[in-house]
PDBML (XML) file of the C-alpha atoms, coordinates in Angstrom:
<?xml version="1.0" encoding="UTF-8" ?>
<PDBx:datablock datablockName="MODEL"
   xmlns:PDBx="http://pdbml.pdb.org/schema/pdbx-v50.xsd"
   xmlns:xsi="http://www.w3.org/2001/XMLSchema-instance"
   xsi:schemaLocation="http://pdbml.pdb.org/schema/pdbx-v50.xsd pdbx-v50.xsd">
   <PDBx:atom_siteCategory>
      <PDBx:atom_site id="1">
         <PDBx:B_iso_or_equiv>0.00</PDBx:B_iso_or_equiv>
         <PDBx:Cartn_x>9.655</PDBx:Cartn_x>
         <PDBx:Cartn_y>18.107</PDBx:Cartn_y>
         <PDBx:Cartn_z>-25.368</PDBx:Cartn_z>
         <PDBx:auth_asym_id>A</PDBx:auth_asym_id>
         <PDBx:auth_atom_id>CA</PDBx:auth_atom_id>
         <PDBx:auth_comp_id>UNK</PDBx:auth_comp_id>
         <PDBx:auth_seq_id>1</PDBx:auth_seq_id>
         <PDBx:group_PDB>ATOM</PDBx:group_PDB>
         <PDBx:label_alt_id xsi:nil="true" />
         <PDBx:label_asym_id>A</PDBx:label_asym_id>
         <PDBx:label_atom_id>CA</PDBx:label_atom_id>
         <PDBx:label_comp_id>UNK</PDBx:label_comp_id>
         <PDBx:label_entity_id>1</PDBx:label_entity_id>
         <PDBx:label_seq_id>1</PDBx:label_seq_id>
         <PDBx:occupancy>1.00</PDBx:occupancy>
         <PDBx:pdbx_PDB_model_num>1</PDBx:pdbx_PDB_model_num>
         <PDBx:type_symbol>C</PDBx:type_symbol>
      </PDBx:atom_site>
      <PDBx:atom_site id="2">
         <PDBx:B_iso_or_equiv>0.00</PDBx:B_iso_or_equiv>
         <PDBx:Cartn_x>6.577</PDBx:Cartn_x>
         <PDBx:Cartn_y>15.931</PDBx:Cartn_y>
         <PDBx:Cartn_z>-25.160</PDBx:Cartn_z>
         <PDBx:auth_asym_id>A</PDBx:auth_asym_id>
         <PDBx:auth_atom_id>CA</PDBx:auth_atom_id>
         <PDBx:auth_comp_id>UNK</PDBx:auth_comp_id>
         <PDBx:auth_seq_id>2</PDBx:auth_seq_id>
         <PDBx:group_PDB>ATOM</PDBx:group_PDB>
         <PDBx:label_alt_id xsi:nil="true" />
         <PDBx:label_asym_id>A</PDBx:label_asym_id>
         <PDBx:label_atom_id>CA</PDBx:label_atom_id>
         <PDBx:label_comp_id>UNK</PDBx:label_comp_id>
         <PDBx:label_entity_id>1</PDBx:label_entity_id>
         <PDBx:label_seq_id>2</PDBx:label_seq_id>
         <PDBx:occupancy>1.00</PDBx:occupancy>
         <PDBx:pdbx_PDB_model_num>1</PDBx:pdbx_PDB_model_num>
         <PDBx:type_symbol>C</PDBx:type_symbol>
      </PDBx:atom_site>
      <PDBx:atom_site id="3">
         <PDBx:B_iso_or_equiv>0.00</PDBx:B_iso_or_equiv>
         <PDBx:Cartn_x>5.735</PDBx:Cartn_x>
         <PDBx:Cartn_y>15.007</PDBx:Cartn_y>
         <PDBx:Cartn_z>-21.565</PDBx:Cartn_z>
         <PDBx:auth_asym_id>A</PDBx:auth_asym_id>
         <PDBx:auth_atom_id>CA</PDBx:auth_atom_id>
         <PDBx:auth_comp_id>UNK</PDBx:auth_comp_id>
         <PDBx:auth_seq_id>3</PDBx:auth_seq_id>
         <PDBx:group_PDB>ATOM</PDBx:group_PDB>
         <PDBx:label_alt_id xsi:nil="true" />
         <PDBx:label_asym_id>A</PDBx:label_asym_id>
         <PDBx:label_atom_id>CA</PDBx:label_atom_id>
         <PDBx:label_comp_id>UNK</PDBx:label_comp_id>
         <PDBx:label_entity_id>1</PDBx:label_entity_id>
         <PDBx:label_seq_id>3</PDBx:label_seq_id>
         <PDBx:occupancy>1.00</PDBx:occupancy>
         <PDBx:pdbx_PDB_model_num>1</PDBx:pdbx_PDB_model_num>
         <PDBx:type_symbol>C</PDBx:type_symbol>
      </PDBx:atom_site>
      <PDBx:atom_site id="4">
         <PDBx:B_iso_or_equiv>0.00</PDBx:B_iso_or_equiv>
         <PDBx:Cartn_x>6.835</PDBx:Cartn_x>
         <PDBx:Cartn_y>11.565</PDBx:Cartn_y>
         <PDBx:Cartn_z>-20.437</PDBx:Cartn_z>
         <PDBx:auth_asym_id>A</PDBx:auth_asym_id>
         <PDBx:auth_atom_id>CA</PDBx:auth_atom_id>
         <PDBx:auth_comp_id>UNK</PDBx:auth_comp_id>
         <PDBx:auth_seq_id>4</PDBx:auth_seq_id>
         <PDBx:group_PDB>ATOM</PDBx:group_PDB>
         <PDBx:label_alt_id xsi:nil="true" />
         <PDBx:label_asym_id>A</PDBx:label_asym_id>
         <PDBx:label_atom_id>CA</PDBx:label_atom_id>
         <PDBx:label_comp_id>UNK</PDBx:label_comp_id>
         <PDBx:label_entity_id>1</PDBx:label_entity_id>
         <PDBx:label_seq_id>4</PDBx:label_seq_id>
         <PDBx:occupancy>1.00</PDBx:occupancy>
         <PDBx:pdbx_PDB_model_num>1</PDBx:pdbx_PDB_model_num>
         <PDBx:type_symbol>C</PDBx:type_symbol>
      </PDBx:atom_site>
      <PDBx:atom_site id="5">
         <PDBx:B_iso_or_equiv>0.00</PDBx:B_iso_or_equiv>
         <PDBx:Cartn_x>4.440</PDBx:Cartn_x>
         <PDBx:Cartn_y>9.028</PDBx:Cartn_y>
         <PDBx:Cartn_z>-18.971</PDBx:Cartn_z>
         <PDBx:auth_asym_id>A</PDBx:auth_asym_id>
         <PDBx:auth_atom_id>CA</PDBx:auth_atom_id>
         <PDBx:auth_comp_id>UNK</PDBx:auth_comp_id>
         <PDBx:auth_seq_id>5</PDBx:auth_seq_id>
         <PDBx:group_PDB>ATOM</PDBx:group_PDB>
         <PDBx:label_alt_id xsi:nil="true" />
         <PDBx:label_asym_id>A</PDBx:label_asym_id>
         <PDBx:label_atom_id>CA</PDBx:label_atom_id>
         <PDBx:label_comp_id>UNK</PDBx:label_comp_id>
         <PDBx:label_entity_id>1</PDBx:label_entity_id>
         <PDBx:label_seq_id>5</PDBx:label_seq_id>
         <PDBx:occupancy>1.00</PDBx:occupancy>
         <PDBx:pdbx_PDB_model_num>1</PDBx:pdbx_PDB_model_num>
         <PDBx:type_symbol>C</PDBx:type_symbol>
      </PDBx:atom_site>
      <PDBx:atom_site id="6">
         <PDBx:B_iso_or_equiv>0.00</PDBx:B_iso_or_equiv>
         <PDBx:Cartn_x>3.745</PDBx:Cartn_x>
         <PDBx:Cartn_y>9.671</PDBx:Cartn_y>
         <PDBx:Cartn_z>-15.329</PDBx:Cartn_z>
         <PDBx:auth_asym_id>A</PDBx:auth_asym_id>
         <PDBx:auth_atom_id>CA</PDBx:auth_atom_id>
         <PDBx:auth_comp_id>UNK</PDBx:auth_comp_id>
         <PDBx:auth_seq_id>6</PDBx:auth_seq_id>
         <PDBx:group_PDB>ATOM</PDBx:group_PDB>
         <PDBx:label_alt_id xsi:nil="true" />
         <PDBx:label_asym_id>A</PDBx:label_asym_id>
         <PDBx:label_atom_id>CA</PDBx:label_atom_id>
         <PDBx:label_comp_id>UNK</PDBx:label_comp_id>
         <PDBx:label_entity_id>1</PDBx:label_entity_id>
         <PDBx:label_seq_id>6</PDBx:label_seq_id>
         <PDBx:occupancy>1.00</PDBx:occupancy>
         <PDBx:pdbx_PDB_model_num>1</PDBx:pdbx_PDB_model_num>
         <PDBx:type_symbol>C</PDBx:type_symbol>
      </PDBx:atom_site>
      <PDBx:atom_site id="7">
         <PDBx:B_iso_or_equiv>0.00</PDBx:B_iso_or_equiv>
         <PDBx:Cartn_x>3.618</PDBx:Cartn_x>
         <PDBx:Cartn_y>7.035</PDBx:Cartn_y>
         <PDBx:Cartn_z>-12.662</PDBx:Cartn_z>
         <PDBx:auth_asym_id>A</PDBx:auth_asym_id>
         <PDBx:auth_atom_id>CA</PDBx:auth_atom_id>
         <PDBx:auth_comp_id>UNK</PDBx:auth_comp_id>
         <PDBx:auth_seq_id>7</PDBx:auth_seq_id>
         <PDBx:group_PDB>ATOM</PDBx:group_PDB>
         <PDBx:label_alt_id xsi:nil="true" />
         <PDBx:label_asym_id>A</PDBx:label_asym_id>
         <PDBx:label_atom_id>CA</PDBx:label_atom_id>
         <PDBx:label_comp_id>UNK</PDBx:label_comp_id>
         <PDBx:label_entity_id>1</PDBx:label_entity_id>
         <PDBx:label_seq_id>7</PDBx:label_seq_id>
         <PDBx:occupancy>1.00</PDBx:occupancy>
         <PDBx:pdbx_PDB_model_num>1</PDBx:pdbx_PDB_model_num>
         <PDBx:type_symbol>C</PDBx:type_symbol>
      </PDBx:atom_site>
      <PDBx:atom_site id="8">
         <PDBx:B_iso_or_equiv>0.00</PDBx:B_iso_or_equiv>
         <PDBx:Cartn_x>0.165</PDBx:Cartn_x>
         <PDBx:Cartn_y>6.388</PDBx:Cartn_y>
         <PDBx:Cartn_z>-11.213</PDBx:Cartn_z>
         <PDBx:auth_asym_id>A</PDBx:auth_asym_id>
         <PDBx:auth_atom_id>CA</PDBx:auth_atom_id>
         <PDBx:auth_comp_id>UNK</PDBx:auth_comp_id>
         <PDBx:auth_seq_id>8</PDBx:auth_seq_id>
         <PDBx:group_PDB>ATOM</PDBx:group_PDB>
         <PDBx:label_alt_id xsi:nil="true" />
         <PDBx:label_asym_id>A</PDBx:label_asym_id>
         <PDBx:label_atom_id>CA</PDBx:label_atom_id>
         <PDBx:label_comp_id>UNK</PDBx:label_comp_id>
         <PDBx:label_entity_id>1</PDBx:label_entity_id>
         <PDBx:label_seq_id>8</PDBx:label_seq_id>
         <PDBx:occupancy>1.00</PDBx:occupancy>
         <PDBx:pdbx_PDB_model_num>1</PDBx:pdbx_PDB_model_num>
         <PDBx:type_symbol>C</PDBx:type_symbol>
      </PDBx:atom_site>
      <PDBx:atom_site id="9">
         <PDBx:B_iso_or_equiv>0.00</PDBx:B_iso_or_equiv>
         <PDBx:Cartn_x>-1.133</PDBx:Cartn_x>
         <PDBx:Cartn_y>7.358</PDBx:Cartn_y>
         <PDBx:Cartn_z>-7.807</PDBx:Cartn_z>
         <PDBx:auth_asym_id>A</PDBx:auth_asym_id>
         <PDBx:auth_atom_id>CA</PDBx:auth_atom_id>
         <PDBx:auth_comp_id>UNK</PDBx:auth_comp_id>
         <PDBx:auth_seq_id>9</PDBx:auth_seq_id>
         <PDBx:group_PDB>ATOM</PDBx:group_PDB>
         <PDBx:label_alt_id xsi:nil="true" />
         <PDBx:label_asym_id>A</PDBx:label_asym_id>
         <PDBx:label_atom_id>CA</PDBx:label_atom_id>
         <PDBx:label_comp_id>UNK</PDBx:label_comp_id>
         <PDBx:label_entity_id>1</PDBx:label_entity_id>
         <PDBx:label_seq_id>9</PDBx:label_seq_id>
         <PDBx:occupancy>1.00</PDBx:occupancy>
         <PDBx:pdbx_PDB_model_num>1</PDBx:pdbx_PDB_model_num>
         <PDBx:type_symbol>C</PDBx:type_symbol>
      </PDBx:atom_site>
      <PDBx:atom_site id="10">
         <PDBx:B_iso_or_equiv>0.00</PDBx:B_iso_or_equiv>
         <PDBx:Cartn_x>-0.244</PDBx:Cartn_x>
         <PDBx:Cartn_y>5.402</PDBx:Cartn_y>
         <PDBx:Cartn_z>-4.688</PDBx:Cartn_z>
         <PDBx:auth_asym_id>A</PDBx:auth_asym_id>
         <PDBx:auth_atom_id>CA</PDBx:auth_atom_id>
         <PDBx:auth_comp_id>UNK</PDBx:auth_comp_id>
         <PDBx:auth_seq_id>10</PDBx:auth_seq_id>
         <PDBx:group_PDB>ATOM</PDBx:group_PDB>
         <PDBx:label_alt_id xsi:nil="true" />
         <PDBx:label_asym_id>A</PDBx:label_asym_id>
         <PDBx:label_atom_id>CA</PDBx:label_atom_id>
         <PDBx:label_comp_id>UNK</PDBx:label_comp_id>
         <PDBx:label_entity_id>1</PDBx:label_entity_id>
         <PDBx:label_seq_id>10</PDBx:label_seq_id>
         <PDBx:occupancy>1.00</PDBx:occupancy>
         <PDBx:pdbx_PDB_model_num>1</PDBx:pdbx_PDB_model_num>
         <PDBx:type_symbol>C</PDBx:type_symbol>
      </PDBx:atom_site>
      <PDBx:atom_site id="11">
         <PDBx:B_iso_or_equiv>0.00</PDBx:B_iso_or_equiv>
         <PDBx:Cartn_x>-3.174</PDBx:Cartn_x>
         <PDBx:Cartn_y>3.959</PDBx:Cartn_y>
         <PDBx:Cartn_z>-2.744</PDBx:Cartn_z>
         <PDBx:auth_asym_id>A</PDBx:auth_asym_id>
         <PDBx:auth_atom_id>CA</PDBx:auth_atom_id>
         <PDBx:auth_comp_id>UNK</PDBx:auth_comp_id>
         <PDBx:auth_seq_id>11</PDBx:auth_seq_id>
         <PDBx:group_PDB>ATOM</PDBx:group_PDB>
         <PDBx:label_alt_id xsi:nil="true" />
         <PDBx:label_asym_id>A</PDBx:label_asym_id>
         <PDBx:label_atom_id>CA</PDBx:label_atom_id>
         <PDBx:label_comp_id>UNK</PDBx:label_comp_id>
         <PDBx:label_entity_id>1</PDBx:label_entity_id>
         <PDBx:label_seq_id>11</PDBx:label_seq_id>
         <PDBx:occupancy>1.00</PDBx:occupancy>
         <PDBx:pdbx_PDB_model_num>1</PDBx:pdbx_PDB_model_num>
         <PDBx:type_symbol>C</PDBx:type_symbol>
      </PDBx:atom_site>
      <PDBx:atom_site id="12">
         <PDBx:B_iso_or_equiv>0.00</PDBx:B_iso_or_equiv>
         <PDBx:Cartn_x>-3.507</PDBx:Cartn_x>
         <PDBx:Cartn_y>3.452</PDBx:Cartn_y>
         <PDBx:Cartn_z>1.012</PDBx:Cartn_z>
         <PDBx:auth_asym_id>A</PDBx:auth_asym_id>
         <PDBx:auth_atom_id>CA</PDBx:auth_atom_id>
         <PDBx:auth_comp_id>UNK</PDBx:auth_comp_id>
         <PDBx:auth_seq_id>12</PDBx:auth_seq_id>
         <PDBx:group_PDB>ATOM</PDBx:group_PDB>
         <PDBx:label_alt_id xsi:nil="true" />
         <PDBx:label_asym_id>A</PDBx:label_asym_id>
         <PDBx:label_atom_id>CA</PDBx:label_atom_id>
         <PDBx:label_comp_id>UNK</PDBx:label_comp_id>
         <PDBx:label_entity_id>1</PDBx:label_entity_id>
         <PDBx:label_seq_id>12</PDBx:label_seq_id>
         <PDBx:occupancy>1.00</PDBx:occupancy>
         <PDBx:pdbx_PDB_model_num>1</PDBx:pdbx_PDB_model_num>
         <PDBx:type_symbol>C</PDBx:type_symbol>
      </PDBx:atom_site>
      <PDBx:atom_site id="13">
         <PDBx:B_iso_or_equiv>0.00</PDBx:B_iso_or_equiv>
         <PDBx:Cartn_x>-5.556</PDBx:Cartn_x>
         <PDBx:Cartn_y>1.081</PDBx:Cartn_y>
         <PDBx:Cartn_z>3.135</PDBx:Cartn_z>
         <PDBx:auth_asym_id>A</PDBx:auth_asym_id>
         <PDBx:auth_atom_id>CA</PDBx:auth_atom_id>
         <PDBx:auth_comp_id>UNK</PDBx:auth_comp_id>
         <PDBx:auth_seq_id>13</PDBx:auth_seq_id>
         <PDBx:group_PDB>ATOM</PDBx:group_PDB>
         <PDBx:label_alt_id xsi:nil="true" />
         <PDBx:label_asym_id>A</PDBx:label_asym_id>
         <PDBx:label_atom_id>CA</PDBx:label_atom_id>
         <PDBx:label_comp_id>UNK</PDBx:label_comp_id>
         <PDBx:label_entity_id>1</PDBx:label_entity_id>
         <PDBx:label_seq_id>13</PDBx:label_seq_id>
         <PDBx:occupancy>1.00</PDBx:occupancy>
         <PDBx:pdbx_PDB_model_num>1</PDBx:pdbx_PDB_model_num>
         <PDBx:type_symbol>C</PDBx:type_symbol>
      </PDBx:atom_site>
      <PDBx:atom_site id="14">
         <PDBx:B_iso_or_equiv>0.00</PDBx:B_iso_or_equiv>
         <PDBx:Cartn_x>-5.687</PDBx:Cartn_x>
         <PDBx:Cartn_y>-0.146</PDBx:Cartn_y>
         <PDBx:Cartn_z>6.740</PDBx:Cartn_z>
         <PDBx:auth_asym_id>A</PDBx:auth_asym_id>
         <PDBx:auth_atom_id>CA</PDBx:auth_atom_id>
         <PDBx:auth_comp_id>UNK</PDBx:auth_comp_id>
         <PDBx:auth_seq_id>14</PDBx:auth_seq_id>
         <PDBx:group_PDB>ATOM</PDBx:group_PDB>
         <PDBx:label_alt_id xsi:nil="true" />
         <PDBx:label_asym_id>A</PDBx:label_asym_id>
         <PDBx:label_atom_id>CA</PDBx:label_atom_id>
         <PDBx:label_comp_id>UNK</PDBx:label_comp_id>
         <PDBx:label_entity_id>1</PDBx:label_entity_id>
         <PDBx:label_seq_id>14</PDBx:label_seq_id>
         <PDBx:occupancy>1.00</PDBx:occupancy>
         <PDBx:pdbx_PDB_model_num>1</PDBx:pdbx_PDB_model_num>
         <PDBx:type_symbol>C</PDBx:type_symbol>
      </PDBx:atom_site>
      <PDBx:atom_site id="15">
         <PDBx:B_iso_or_equiv>0.00</PDBx:B_iso_or_equiv>
         <PDBx:Cartn_x>-5.522</PDBx:Cartn_x>
         <PDBx:Cartn_y>-3.804</PDBx:Cartn_y>
         <PDBx:Cartn_z>7.809</PDBx:Cartn_z>
         <PDBx:auth_asym_id>A</PDBx:auth_asym_id>
         <PDBx:auth_atom_id>CA</PDBx:auth_atom_id>
         <PDBx:auth_comp_id>UNK</PDBx:auth_comp_id>
         <PDBx:auth_seq_id>15</PDBx:auth_seq_id>
         <PDBx:group_PDB>ATOM</PDBx:group_PDB>
         <PDBx:label_alt_id xsi:nil="true" />
         <PDBx:label_asym_id>A</PDBx:label_asym_id>
         <PDBx:label_atom_id>CA</PDBx:label_atom_id>
         <PDBx:label_comp_id>UNK</PDBx:label_comp_id>
         <PDBx:label_entity_id>1</PDBx:label_entity_id>
         <PDBx:label_seq_id>15</PDBx:label_seq_id>
         <PDBx:occupancy>1.00</PDBx:occupancy>
         <PDBx:pdbx_PDB_model_num>1</PDBx:pdbx_PDB_model_num>
         <PDBx:type_symbol>C</PDBx:type_symbol>
      </PDBx:atom_site>
      <PDBx:atom_site id="16">
         <PDBx:B_iso_or_equiv>0.00</PDBx:B_iso_or_equiv>
         <PDBx:Cartn_x>-6.951</PDBx:Cartn_x>
         <PDBx:Cartn_y>-4.585</PDBx:Cartn_y>
         <PDBx:Cartn_z>11.251</PDBx:Cartn_z>
         <PDBx:auth_asym_id>A</PDBx:auth_asym_id>
         <PDBx:auth_atom_id>CA</PDBx:auth_atom_id>
         <PDBx:auth_comp_id>UNK</PDBx:auth_comp_id>
         <PDBx:auth_seq_id>16</PDBx:auth_seq_id>
         <PDBx:group_PDB>ATOM</PDBx:group_PDB>
         <PDBx:label_alt_id xsi:nil="true" />
         <PDBx:label_asym_id>A</PDBx:label_asym_id>
         <PDBx:label_atom_id>CA</PDBx:label_atom_id>
         <PDBx:label_comp_id>UNK</PDBx:label_comp_id>
         <PDBx:label_entity_id>1</PDBx:label_entity_id>
         <PDBx:label_seq_id>16</PDBx:label_seq_id>
         <PDBx:occupancy>1.00</PDBx:occupancy>
         <PDBx:pdbx_PDB_model_num>1</PDBx:pdbx_PDB_model_num>
         <PDBx:type_symbol>C</PDBx:type_symbol>
      </PDBx:atom_site>
      <PDBx:atom_site id="17">
         <PDBx:B_iso_or_equiv>0.00</PDBx:B_iso_or_equiv>
         <PDBx:Cartn_x>-5.307</PDBx:Cartn_x>
         <PDBx:Cartn_y>-7.372</PDBx:Cartn_y>
         <PDBx:Cartn_z>13.263</PDBx:Cartn_z>
         <PDBx:auth_asym_id>A</PDBx:auth_asym_id>
         <PDBx:auth_atom_id>CA</PDBx:auth_atom_id>
         <PDBx:auth_comp_id>UNK</PDBx:auth_comp_id>
         <PDBx:auth_seq_id>17</PDBx:auth_seq_id>
         <PDBx:group_PDB>ATOM</PDBx:group_PDB>
         <PDBx:label_alt_id xsi:nil="true" />
         <PDBx:label_asym_id>A</PDBx:label_asym_id>
         <PDBx:label_atom_id>CA</PDBx:label_atom_id>
         <PDBx:label_comp_id>UNK</PDBx:label_comp_id>
         <PDBx:label_entity_id>1</PDBx:label_entity_id>
         <PDBx:label_seq_id>17</PDBx:label_seq_id>
         <PDBx:occupancy>1.00</PDBx:occupancy>
         <PDBx:pdbx_PDB_model_num>1</PDBx:pdbx_PDB_model_num>
         <PDBx:type_symbol>C</PDBx:type_symbol>
      </PDBx:atom_site>
      <PDBx:atom_site id="18">
         <PDBx:B_iso_or_equiv>0.00</PDBx:B_iso_or_equiv>
         <PDBx:Cartn_x>-5.958</PDBx:Cartn_x>
         <PDBx:Cartn_y>-8.941</PDBx:Cartn_y>
         <PDBx:Cartn_z>16.659</PDBx:Cartn_z>
         <PDBx:auth_asym_id>A</PDBx:auth_asym_id>
         <PDBx:auth_atom_id>CA</PDBx:auth_atom_id>
         <PDBx:auth_comp_id>UNK</PDBx:auth_comp_id>
         <PDBx:auth_seq_id>18</PDBx:auth_seq_id>
         <PDBx:group_PDB>ATOM</PDBx:group_PDB>
         <PDBx:label_alt_id xsi:nil="true" />
         <PDBx:label_asym_id>A</PDBx:label_asym_id>
         <PDBx:label_atom_id>CA</PDBx:label_atom_id>
         <PDBx:label_comp_id>UNK</PDBx:label_comp_id>
         <PDBx:label_entity_id>1</PDBx:label_entity_id>
         <PDBx:label_seq_id>18</PDBx:label_seq_id>
         <PDBx:occupancy>1.00</PDBx:occupancy>
         <PDBx:pdbx_PDB_model_num>1</PDBx:pdbx_PDB_model_num>
         <PDBx:type_symbol>C</PDBx:type_symbol>
      </PDBx:atom_site>
      <PDBx:atom_site id="19">
         <PDBx:B_iso_or_equiv>0.00</PDBx:B_iso_or_equiv>
         <PDBx:Cartn_x>-3.194</PDBx:Cartn_x>
         <PDBx:Cartn_y>-8.547</PDBx:Cartn_y>
         <PDBx:Cartn_z>19.238</PDBx:Cartn_z>
         <PDBx:auth_asym_id>A</PDBx:auth_asym_id>
         <PDBx:auth_atom_id>CA</PDBx:auth_atom_id>
         <PDBx:auth_comp_id>UNK</PDBx:auth_comp_id>
         <PDBx:auth_seq_id>19</PDBx:auth_seq_id>
         <PDBx:group_PDB>ATOM</PDBx:group_PDB>
         <PDBx:label_alt_id xsi:nil="true" />
         <PDBx:label_asym_id>A</PDBx:label_asym_id>
         <PDBx:label_atom_id>CA</PDBx:label_atom_id>
         <PDBx:label_comp_id>UNK</PDBx:label_comp_id>
         <PDBx:label_entity_id>1</PDBx:label_entity_id>
         <PDBx:label_seq_id>19</PDBx:label_seq_id>
         <PDBx:occupancy>1.00</PDBx:occupancy>
         <PDBx:pdbx_PDB_model_num>1</PDBx:pdbx_PDB_model_num>
         <PDBx:type_symbol>C</PDBx:type_symbol>
      </PDBx:atom_site>
      <PDBx:atom_site id="20">
         <PDBx:B_iso_or_equiv>0.00</PDBx:B_iso_or_equiv>
         <PDBx:Cartn_x>-1.788</PDBx:Cartn_x>
         <PDBx:Cartn_y>-12.085</PDBx:Cartn_y>
         <PDBx:Cartn_z>18.916</PDBx:Cartn_z>
         <PDBx:auth_asym_id>A</PDBx:auth_asym_id>
         <PDBx:auth_atom_id>CA</PDBx:auth_atom_id>
         <PDBx:auth_comp_id>UNK</PDBx:auth_comp_id>
         <PDBx:auth_seq_id>20</PDBx:auth_seq_id>
         <PDBx:group_PDB>ATOM</PDBx:group_PDB>
         <PDBx:label_alt_id xsi:nil="true" />
         <PDBx:label_asym_id>A</PDBx:label_asym_id>
         <PDBx:label_atom_id>CA</PDBx:label_atom_id>
         <PDBx:label_comp_id>UNK</PDBx:label_comp_id>
         <PDBx:label_entity_id>1</PDBx:label_entity_id>
         <PDBx:label_seq_id>20</PDBx:label_seq_id>
         <PDBx:occupancy>1.00</PDBx:occupancy>
         <PDBx:pdbx_PDB_model_num>1</PDBx:pdbx_PDB_model_num>
         <PDBx:type_symbol>C</PDBx:type_symbol>
      </PDBx:atom_site>
      <PDBx:atom_site id="21">
         <PDBx:B_iso_or_equiv>0.00</PDBx:B_iso_or_equiv>
         <PDBx:Cartn_x>-2.075</PDBx:Cartn_x>
         <PDBx:Cartn_y>-12.453</PDBx:Cartn_y>
         <PDBx:Cartn_z>15.112</PDBx:Cartn_z>
         <PDBx:auth_asym_id>A</PDBx:auth_asym_id>
         <PDBx:auth_atom_id>CA</PDBx:auth_atom_id>
         <PDBx:auth_comp_id>UNK</PDBx:auth_comp_id>
         <PDBx:auth_seq_id>21</PDBx:auth_seq_id>
         <PDBx:group_PDB>ATOM</PDBx:group_PDB>
         <PDBx:label_alt_id xsi:nil="true" />
         <PDBx:label_asym_id>A</PDBx:label_asym_id>
         <PDBx:label_atom_id>CA</PDBx:label_atom_id>
         <PDBx:label_comp_id>UNK</PDBx:label_comp_id>
         <PDBx:label_entity_id>1</PDBx:label_entity_id>
         <PDBx:label_seq_id>21</PDBx:label_seq_id>
         <PDBx:occupancy>1.00</PDBx:occupancy>
         <PDBx:pdbx_PDB_model_num>1</PDBx:pdbx_PDB_model_num>
         <PDBx:type_symbol>C</PDBx:type_symbol>
      </PDBx:atom_site>
      <PDBx:atom_site id="22">
         <PDBx:B_iso_or_equiv>0.00</PDBx:B_iso_or_equiv>
         <PDBx:Cartn_x>1.418</PDBx:Cartn_x>
         <PDBx:Cartn_y>-11.035</PDBx:Cartn_y>
         <PDBx:Cartn_z>14.398</PDBx:Cartn_z>
         <PDBx:auth_asym_id>A</PDBx:auth_asym_id>
         <PDBx:auth_atom_id>CA</PDBx:auth_atom_id>
         <PDBx:auth_comp_id>UNK</PDBx:auth_comp_id>
         <PDBx:auth_seq_id>22</PDBx:auth_seq_id>
         <PDBx:group_PDB>ATOM</PDBx:group_PDB>
         <PDBx:label_alt_id xsi:nil="true" />
         <PDBx:label_asym_id>A</PDBx:label_asym_id>
         <PDBx:label_atom_id>CA</PDBx:label_atom_id>
         <PDBx:label_comp_id>UNK</PDBx:label_comp_id>
         <PDBx:label_entity_id>1</PDBx:label_entity_id>
         <PDBx:label_seq_id>22</PDBx:label_seq_id>
         <PDBx:occupancy>1.00</PDBx:occupancy>
         <PDBx:pdbx_PDB_model_num>1</PDBx:pdbx_PDB_model_num>
         <PDBx:type_symbol>C</PDBx:type_symbol>
      </PDBx:atom_site>
      <PDBx:atom_site id="23">
         <PDBx:B_iso_or_equiv>0.00</PDBx:B_iso_or_equiv>
         <PDBx:Cartn_x>2.839</PDBx:Cartn_x>
         <PDBx:Cartn_y>-14.058</PDBx:Cartn_y>
         <PDBx:Cartn_z>16.249</PDBx:Cartn_z>
         <PDBx:auth_asym_id>A</PDBx:auth_asym_id>
         <PDBx:auth_atom_id>CA</PDBx:auth_atom_id>
         <PDBx:auth_comp_id>UNK</PDBx:auth_comp_id>
         <PDBx:auth_seq_id>23</PDBx:auth_seq_id>
         <PDBx:group_PDB>ATOM</PDBx:group_PDB>
         <PDBx:label_alt_id xsi:nil="true" />
         <PDBx:label_asym_id>A</PDBx:label_asym_id>
         <PDBx:label_atom_id>CA</PDBx:label_atom_id>
         <PDBx:label_comp_id>UNK</PDBx:label_comp_id>
         <PDBx:label_entity_id>1</PDBx:label_entity_id>
         <PDBx:label_seq_id>23</PDBx:label_seq_id>
         <PDBx:occupancy>1.00</PDBx:occupancy>
         <PDBx:pdbx_PDB_model_num>1</PDBx:pdbx_PDB_model_num>
         <PDBx:type_symbol>C</PDBx:type_symbol>
      </PDBx:atom_site>
      <PDBx:atom_site id="24">
         <PDBx:B_iso_or_equiv>0.00</PDBx:B_iso_or_equiv>
         <PDBx:Cartn_x>2.534</PDBx:Cartn_x>
         <PDBx:Cartn_y>-15.912</PDBx:Cartn_y>
         <PDBx:Cartn_z>12.931</PDBx:Cartn_z>
         <PDBx:auth_asym_id>A</PDBx:auth_asym_id>
         <PDBx:auth_atom_id>CA</PDBx:auth_atom_id>
         <PDBx:auth_comp_id>UNK</PDBx:auth_comp_id>
         <PDBx:auth_seq_id>24</PDBx:auth_seq_id>
         <PDBx:group_PDB>ATOM</PDBx:group_PDB>
         <PDBx:label_alt_id xsi:nil="true" />
         <PDBx:label_asym_id>A</PDBx:label_asym_id>
         <PDBx:label_atom_id>CA</PDBx:label_atom_id>
         <PDBx:label_comp_id>UNK</PDBx:label_comp_id>
         <PDBx:label_entity_id>1</PDBx:label_entity_id>
         <PDBx:label_seq_id>24</PDBx:label_seq_id>
         <PDBx:occupancy>1.00</PDBx:occupancy>
         <PDBx:pdbx_PDB_model_num>1</PDBx:pdbx_PDB_model_num>
         <PDBx:type_symbol>C</PDBx:type_symbol>
      </PDBx:atom_site>
      <PDBx:atom_site id="25">
         <PDBx:B_iso_or_equiv>0.00</PDBx:B_iso_or_equiv>
         <PDBx:Cartn_x>2.537</PDBx:Cartn_x>
         <PDBx:Cartn_y>-15.046</PDBx:Cartn_y>
         <PDBx:Cartn_z>9.229</PDBx:Cartn_z>
         <PDBx:auth_asym_id>A</PDBx:auth_asym_id>
         <PDBx:auth_atom_id>CA</PDBx:auth_atom_id>
         <PDBx:auth_comp_id>UNK</PDBx:auth_comp_id>
         <PDBx:auth_seq_id>25</PDBx:auth_seq_id>
         <PDBx:group_PDB>ATOM</PDBx:group_PDB>
         <PDBx:label_alt_id xsi:nil="true" />
         <PDBx:label_asym_id>A</PDBx:label_asym_id>
         <PDBx:label_atom_id>CA</PDBx:label_atom_id>
         <PDBx:label_comp_id>UNK</PDBx:label_comp_id>
         <PDBx:label_entity_id>1</PDBx:label_entity_id>
         <PDBx:label_seq_id>25</PDBx:label_seq_id>
         <PDBx:occupancy>1.00</PDBx:occupancy>
         <PDBx:pdbx_PDB_model_num>1</PDBx:pdbx_PDB_model_num>
         <PDBx:type_symbol>C</PDBx:type_symbol>
      </PDBx:atom_site>
   </PDBx:atom_siteCategory>
</PDBx:datablock>
């Protein structure tokens, strides 16, 4: 039958962090 609505595209990005930043939220 008639085509169903398709889900949109996923997007990707990169987040740069300093070495010690993951020590905290």
